[in-house]
Each structure stands twice: as C-alpha cells, then as structure tokens.
C-alpha cells in the first residue's frame, strides 16, 4: 500500500497556462519612433525616382512586432511606394524580389484590400496579379495564416 507523503507541490502548477486557447504570441513591441528612419529613407528614394530601391527598402525590414500606430504609419508609406509605380514597371519590380519579400508584399496587399482608397484600388489589383504570378498560391496561404501582421 502506498504512503501518504503529504506532497502537495503539484497543486502549485496552473494548468490553465497550458491551455492552447490562451496562447499569446510573443512580440517585441517597438514604438512608433523606431520606424521613422526607415520611412525617411523610403521617402528619400521615392523623391529621387528610385521606386524599385524604395520597394526593396520597404520590404526588407517591416515592423511586424510594432504597435498599431507604427504599423499604420509604415503602411501609409508602403501604399505610397506601391502607387508610385506605373503598371509597365511592375514586372521588372517583381522579378527583383525574393520569395520572402513577395510574402511581405502580399501581406501589405491584403491590408490594402481591407482599407481601400480611391487611388489605390486599381494598382493594388495589378500588384496582386503580379505577386500571385511570382509567389504562387503558397504565398497567399502563408500570408493568410501568418500570425504576424503588417
């Protein structure tokens, strides 16, 4: 027969911490000021007419773990980058992007679909067509299932 040892350490574990429904993704939360140097760099490239370099700069290090204000600010700059291209330049721009950059671009395109403006609708659809051609359906699936949003 077993002895009652009086051990009660097992009672200090909170089993609700292991519940899958309570999972919280760890984000490094940055402030809005940290994206300002990137935005300034992108604006400078756009003013020089270097749209392709501005696109690469915007897609290399997006603020995925930042707060909402920083993401909104960066999104507006990304939208100005996307609308700066002419439709004849899209193929050349897409061919220079890596698969990871295409996935980040797809995240911004889907956010632009959710927040449409008068000027951006047509160009966003053209960008989406080129992004699907470059990244395939896998890019759409990765975008829609990723927890980190832009």
C-alpha atoms as a PDB file:
ATOM      1  CA  UNK A   1       0.000   0.000   0.000  1.00  0.00           C
ATOM      2  CA  UNK A   2       1.223   3.498  -0.763  1.00  0.00           C
ATOM      3  CA  UNK A   3       2.066   6.009   1.860  1.00  0.00           C
ATOM      4  CA  UNK A   4       0.512   9.410   2.075  1.00  0.00           C
ATOM      5  CA  UNK A   5       3.587  11.609   1.915  1.00  0.00           C
ATOM      6  CA  UNK A   6       1.738  14.877   2.160  1.00  0.00           C
ATOM      7  CA  UNK A   7       3.371  16.213  -1.006  1.00  0.00           C
ATOM      8  CA  UNK A   8       1.316  18.999  -2.442  1.00  0.00           C
ATOM      9  CA  UNK A   9       3.765  20.693  -4.818  1.00  0.00           C
ATOM     10  CA  UNK A  10       1.727  19.503  -7.785  1.00  0.00           C
ATOM     11  CA  UNK A  11      -1.046  21.835  -6.692  1.00  0.00           C
ATOM     12  CA  UNK A  12       1.028  24.966  -7.432  1.00  0.00           C
ATOM     13  CA  UNK A  13       1.045  24.379 -11.192  1.00  0.00           C
ATOM     14  CA  UNK A  14      -1.584  26.422 -13.029  1.00  0.00           C
ATOM     15  CA  UNK A  15      -2.903  24.028 -15.656  1.00  0.00           C
ATOM     16  CA  UNK A  16      -4.711  26.860 -17.446  1.00  0.00           C
ATOM     17  CA  UNK A  17      -1.321  28.182 -18.560  1.00  0.00           C
ATOM     18  CA  UNK A  18      -1.003  25.148 -20.813  1.00  0.00           C
ATOM     19  CA  UNK A  19      -4.372  25.675 -22.493  1.00  0.00           C
ATOM     20  CA  UNK A  20      -3.989  26.140 -26.270  1.00  0.00           C
ATOM     21  CA  UNK A  21      -6.793  28.692 -26.396  1.00  0.00           C
ATOM     22  CA  UNK A  22      -4.860  31.030 -24.088  1.00  0.00           C
ATOM     23  CA  UNK A  23      -1.730  31.077 -26.269  1.00  0.00           C
ATOM     24  CA  UNK A  24      -0.262  34.547 -26.740  1.00  0.00           C
ATOM     25  CA  UNK A  25       2.334  35.094 -29.408  1.00  0.00           C
ATOM     26  CA  UNK A  26       5.470  36.818 -28.192  1.00  0.00           C
ATOM     27  CA  UNK A  27       6.074  40.126 -29.937  1.00  0.00           C
ATOM     28  CA  UNK A  28       8.867  42.517 -29.278  1.00  0.00           C
ATOM     29  CA  UNK A  29       6.660  45.645 -29.428  1.00  0.00           C
ATOM     30  CA  UNK A  30       8.525  48.699 -30.696  1.00  0.00           C
ATOM     31  CA  UNK A  31       7.476  52.283 -30.514  1.00  0.00           C
ATOM     32  CA  UNK A  32       6.406  54.407 -33.462  1.00  0.00           C
ATOM     33  CA  UNK A  33       9.613  56.418 -33.495  1.00  0.00           C
ATOM     34  CA  UNK A  34      11.753  53.466 -34.473  1.00  0.00           C
ATOM     35  CA  UNK A  35      10.147  53.170 -37.918  1.00  0.00           C
ATOM     36  CA  UNK A  36      10.672  56.842 -38.715  1.00  0.00           C
ATOM     37  CA  UNK A  37      14.263  56.416 -40.037  1.00  0.00           C
ATOM     38  CA  UNK A  38      13.052  53.685 -42.403  1.00  0.00           C
ATOM     39  CA  UNK A  39      10.167  55.867 -43.578  1.00  0.00           C
ATOM     40  CA  UNK A  40      12.536  58.785 -44.167  1.00  0.00           C
ATOM     41  CA  UNK A  41      14.864  56.559 -46.195  1.00  0.00           C
ATOM     42  CA  UNK A  42      11.955  55.289 -48.311  1.00  0.00           C
ATOM     43  CA  UNK A  43      10.649  58.832 -48.881  1.00  0.00           C
ATOM     44  CA  UNK A  44      14.119  59.919 -50.000  1.00  0.00           C
ATOM     45  CA  UNK A  45      14.327  57.084 -52.516  1.00  0.00           C
ATOM     46  CA  UNK A  46      10.861  57.898 -53.859  1.00  0.00           C
ATOM     47  CA  UNK A  47      11.757  61.565 -54.284  1.00  0.00           C
ATOM     48  CA  UNK A  48      14.832  60.558 -56.291  1.00  0.00           C
ATOM     49  CA  UNK A  49      12.635  58.414 -58.530  1.00  0.00           C
ATOM     50  CA  UNK A  50      14.203  55.151 -57.367  1.00  0.00           C
ATOM     51  CA  UNK A  51      10.933  53.292 -56.945  1.00  0.00           C
ATOM     52  CA  UNK A  52      12.444  49.825 -57.119  1.00  0.00           C
ATOM     53  CA  UNK A  53      15.008  50.607 -54.411  1.00  0.00           C
ATOM     54  CA  UNK A  54      12.262  52.134 -52.272  1.00  0.00           C
ATOM     55  CA  UNK A  55      10.214  48.940 -52.634  1.00  0.00           C
ATOM     56  CA  UNK A  56      13.180  46.766 -51.635  1.00  0.00           C
ATOM     57  CA  UNK A  57      13.914  49.009 -48.652  1.00  0.00           C
ATOM     58  CA  UNK A  58      10.287  48.899 -47.523  1.00  0.00           C
ATOM     59  CA  UNK A  59      10.071  45.116 -47.764  1.00  0.00           C
ATOM     60  CA  UNK A  60      13.401  44.195 -46.152  1.00  0.00           C
ATOM     61  CA  UNK A  61      12.556  45.040 -42.537  1.00  0.00           C
ATOM     62  CA  UNK A  62       8.844  45.693 -41.984  1.00  0.00           C
ATOM     63  CA  UNK A  63       7.667  46.499 -38.433  1.00  0.00           C
ATOM     64  CA  UNK A  64       5.949  43.172 -37.760  1.00  0.00           C
ATOM     65  CA  UNK A  65       6.210  43.394 -33.971  1.00  0.00           C
ATOM     66  CA  UNK A  66       5.498  47.099 -33.638  1.00  0.00           C
ATOM     67  CA  UNK A  67       2.492  48.774 -32.136  1.00  0.00           C
ATOM     68  CA  UNK A  68      -0.569  49.711 -34.202  1.00  0.00           C
ATOM     69  CA  UNK A  69       0.429  53.351 -34.709  1.00  0.00           C
ATOM     70  CA  UNK A  70       3.835  52.416 -36.115  1.00  0.00           C
ATOM     71  CA  UNK A  71       2.297  49.794 -38.391  1.00  0.00           C
ATOM     72  CA  UNK A  72      -0.269  52.301 -39.683  1.00  0.00           C
ATOM     73  CA  UNK A  73       2.417  54.876 -40.379  1.00  0.00           C
ATOM     74  CA  UNK A  74       4.562  52.328 -42.216  1.00  0.00           C
ATOM     75  CA  UNK A  75       1.551  51.037 -44.149  1.00  0.00           C
ATOM     76  CA  UNK A  76       0.764  54.515 -45.464  1.00  0.00           C
ATOM     77  CA  UNK A  77       4.345  54.838 -46.680  1.00  0.00           C
ATOM     78  CA  UNK A  78       4.196  51.381 -48.257  1.00  0.00           C
ATOM     79  CA  UNK A  79       0.991  52.375 -50.037  1.00  0.00           C
ATOM     80  CA  UNK A  80       2.701  55.435 -51.482  1.00  0.00           C
ATOM     81  CA  UNK A  81       5.536  53.200 -52.711  1.00  0.00           C
ATOM     82  CA  UNK A  82       3.110  50.834 -54.426  1.00  0.00           C
ATOM     83  CA  UNK A  83       1.165  53.640 -56.078  1.00  0.00           C
ATOM     84  CA  UNK A  84       4.371  55.308 -57.324  1.00  0.00           C
ATOM     85  CA  UNK A  85       4.924  52.518 -59.861  1.00  0.00           C
ATOM     86  CA  UNK A  86       3.470  52.586 -63.341  1.00  0.00           C
ATOM     87  CA  UNK A  87       1.803  49.391 -64.497  1.00  0.00           C
ATOM     88  CA  UNK A  88       4.565  48.845 -67.072  1.00  0.00           C
ATOM     89  CA  UNK A  89       7.198  48.750 -64.287  1.00  0.00           C
ATOM     90  CA  UNK A  90       5.545  46.046 -62.179  1.00  0.00           C
ATOM     91  CA  UNK A  91       7.101  43.041 -63.947  1.00  0.00           C
ATOM     92  CA  UNK A  92      10.617  44.400 -63.511  1.00  0.00           C
ATOM     93  CA  UNK A  93       9.966  45.201 -59.848  1.00  0.00           C
ATOM     94  CA  UNK A  94       8.533  41.743 -59.105  1.00  0.00           C
ATOM     95  CA  UNK A  95      11.440  39.956 -60.767  1.00  0.00           C
ATOM     96  CA  UNK A  96      13.880  41.605 -58.352  1.00  0.00           C
ATOM     97  CA  UNK A  97      12.080  40.431 -55.206  1.00  0.00           C
ATOM     98  CA  UNK A  98      12.999  37.358 -53.172  1.00  0.00           C
ATOM     99  CA  UNK A  99      10.277  34.881 -52.105  1.00  0.00           C
ATOM    100  CA  UNK A 100      10.292  36.297 -48.564  1.00  0.00           C
ATOM    101  CA  UNK A 101       9.846  39.824 -49.914  1.00  0.00           C
ATOM    102  CA  UNK A 102       6.970  38.623 -52.106  1.00  0.00           C
ATOM    103  CA  UNK A 103       5.275  37.229 -48.992  1.00  0.00           C
ATOM    104  CA  UNK A 104       5.703  40.533 -47.140  1.00  0.00           C
ATOM    105  CA  UNK A 105       4.388  42.383 -50.185  1.00  0.00           C
ATOM    106  CA  UNK A 106       1.372  40.087 -50.211  1.00  0.00           C
ATOM    107  CA  UNK A 107       0.674  40.994 -46.559  1.00  0.00           C
ATOM    108  CA  UNK A 108       0.637  44.669 -47.477  1.00  0.00           C
ATOM    109  CA  UNK A 109      -1.573  43.996 -50.488  1.00  0.00           C
ATOM    110  CA  UNK A 110      -4.160  42.203 -48.369  1.00  0.00           C
ATOM    111  CA  UNK A 111      -4.088  45.014 -45.842  1.00  0.00           C
ATOM    112  CA  UNK A 112      -4.604  47.465 -48.717  1.00  0.00           C
ATOM    113  CA  UNK A 113      -7.585  45.379 -49.832  1.00  0.00           C
ATOM    114  CA  UNK A 114      -9.067  45.721 -46.349  1.00  0.00           C
ATOM    115  CA  UNK A 115      -8.530  49.516 -46.294  1.00  0.00           C
ATOM    116  CA  UNK A 116      -9.207  50.649 -49.882  1.00  0.00           C
ATOM    117  CA  UNK A 117      -8.741  54.195 -51.123  1.00  0.00           C
ATOM    118  CA  UNK A 118      -9.841  55.740 -54.390  1.00  0.00           C
ATOM    119  CA  UNK A 119      -6.358  55.997 -55.837  1.00  0.00           C
ATOM    120  CA  UNK A 120      -5.041  52.616 -54.774  1.00  0.00           C
ATOM    121  CA  UNK A 121      -7.660  50.062 -55.856  1.00  0.00           C
ATOM    122  CA  UNK A 122      -6.593  49.540 -59.459  1.00  0.00           C
ATOM    123  CA  UNK A 123      -2.858  49.464 -58.799  1.00  0.00           C
ATOM    124  CA  UNK A 124      -3.270  47.109 -55.820  1.00  0.00           C
ATOM    125  CA  UNK A 125      -5.142  44.631 -58.025  1.00  0.00           C
ATOM    126  CA  UNK A 126      -2.336  44.821 -60.589  1.00  0.00           C
ATOM    127  CA  UNK A 127       0.265  44.280 -57.870  1.00  0.00           C
ATOM    128  CA  UNK A 128      -1.719  41.297 -56.586  1.00  0.00           C
ATOM    129  CA  UNK A 129      -1.810  39.735 -60.042  1.00  0.00           C
ATOM    130  CA  UNK A 130       1.979  40.043 -60.366  1.00  0.00           C
ATOM    131  CA  UNK A 131       2.583  38.835 -56.800  1.00  0.00           C
ATOM    132  CA  UNK A 132       0.474  35.706 -57.353  1.00  0.00           C
ATOM    133  CA  UNK A 133       2.370  35.025 -60.566  1.00  0.00           C
ATOM    134  CA  UNK A 134       5.684  35.364 -58.714  1.00  0.00           C
ATOM    135  CA  UNK A 135       4.813  33.694 -55.409  1.00  0.00           C
ATOM    136  CA  UNK A 136       2.056  31.295 -56.392  1.00  0.00           C
ATOM    137  CA  UNK A 137      -0.802  30.183 -54.202  1.00  0.00           C
ATOM    138  CA  UNK A 138       1.649  29.317 -51.427  1.00  0.00           C
ATOM    139  CA  UNK A 139       2.319  32.997 -50.916  1.00  0.00           C
ATOM    140  CA  UNK A 140      -1.385  33.643 -50.360  1.00  0.00           C
ATOM    141  CA  UNK A 141      -1.655  30.776 -47.879  1.00  0.00           C
ATOM    142  CA  UNK A 142       1.436  31.909 -45.960  1.00  0.00           C
ATOM    143  CA  UNK A 143       0.070  35.446 -45.824  1.00  0.00           C
ATOM    144  CA  UNK A 144      -3.359  34.460 -44.561  1.00  0.00           C
ATOM    145  CA  UNK A 145      -2.057  32.017 -41.934  1.00  0.00           C
ATOM    146  CA  UNK A 146       0.821  34.062 -40.551  1.00  0.00           C
ATOM    147  CA  UNK A 147       0.227  35.432 -37.052  1.00  0.00           C
ATOM    148  CA  UNK A 148       2.450  38.458 -37.547  1.00  0.00           C
ATOM    149  CA  UNK A 149       0.535  41.132 -39.387  1.00  0.00           C
ATOM    150  CA  UNK A 150       1.640  44.356 -41.004  1.00  0.00           C
END
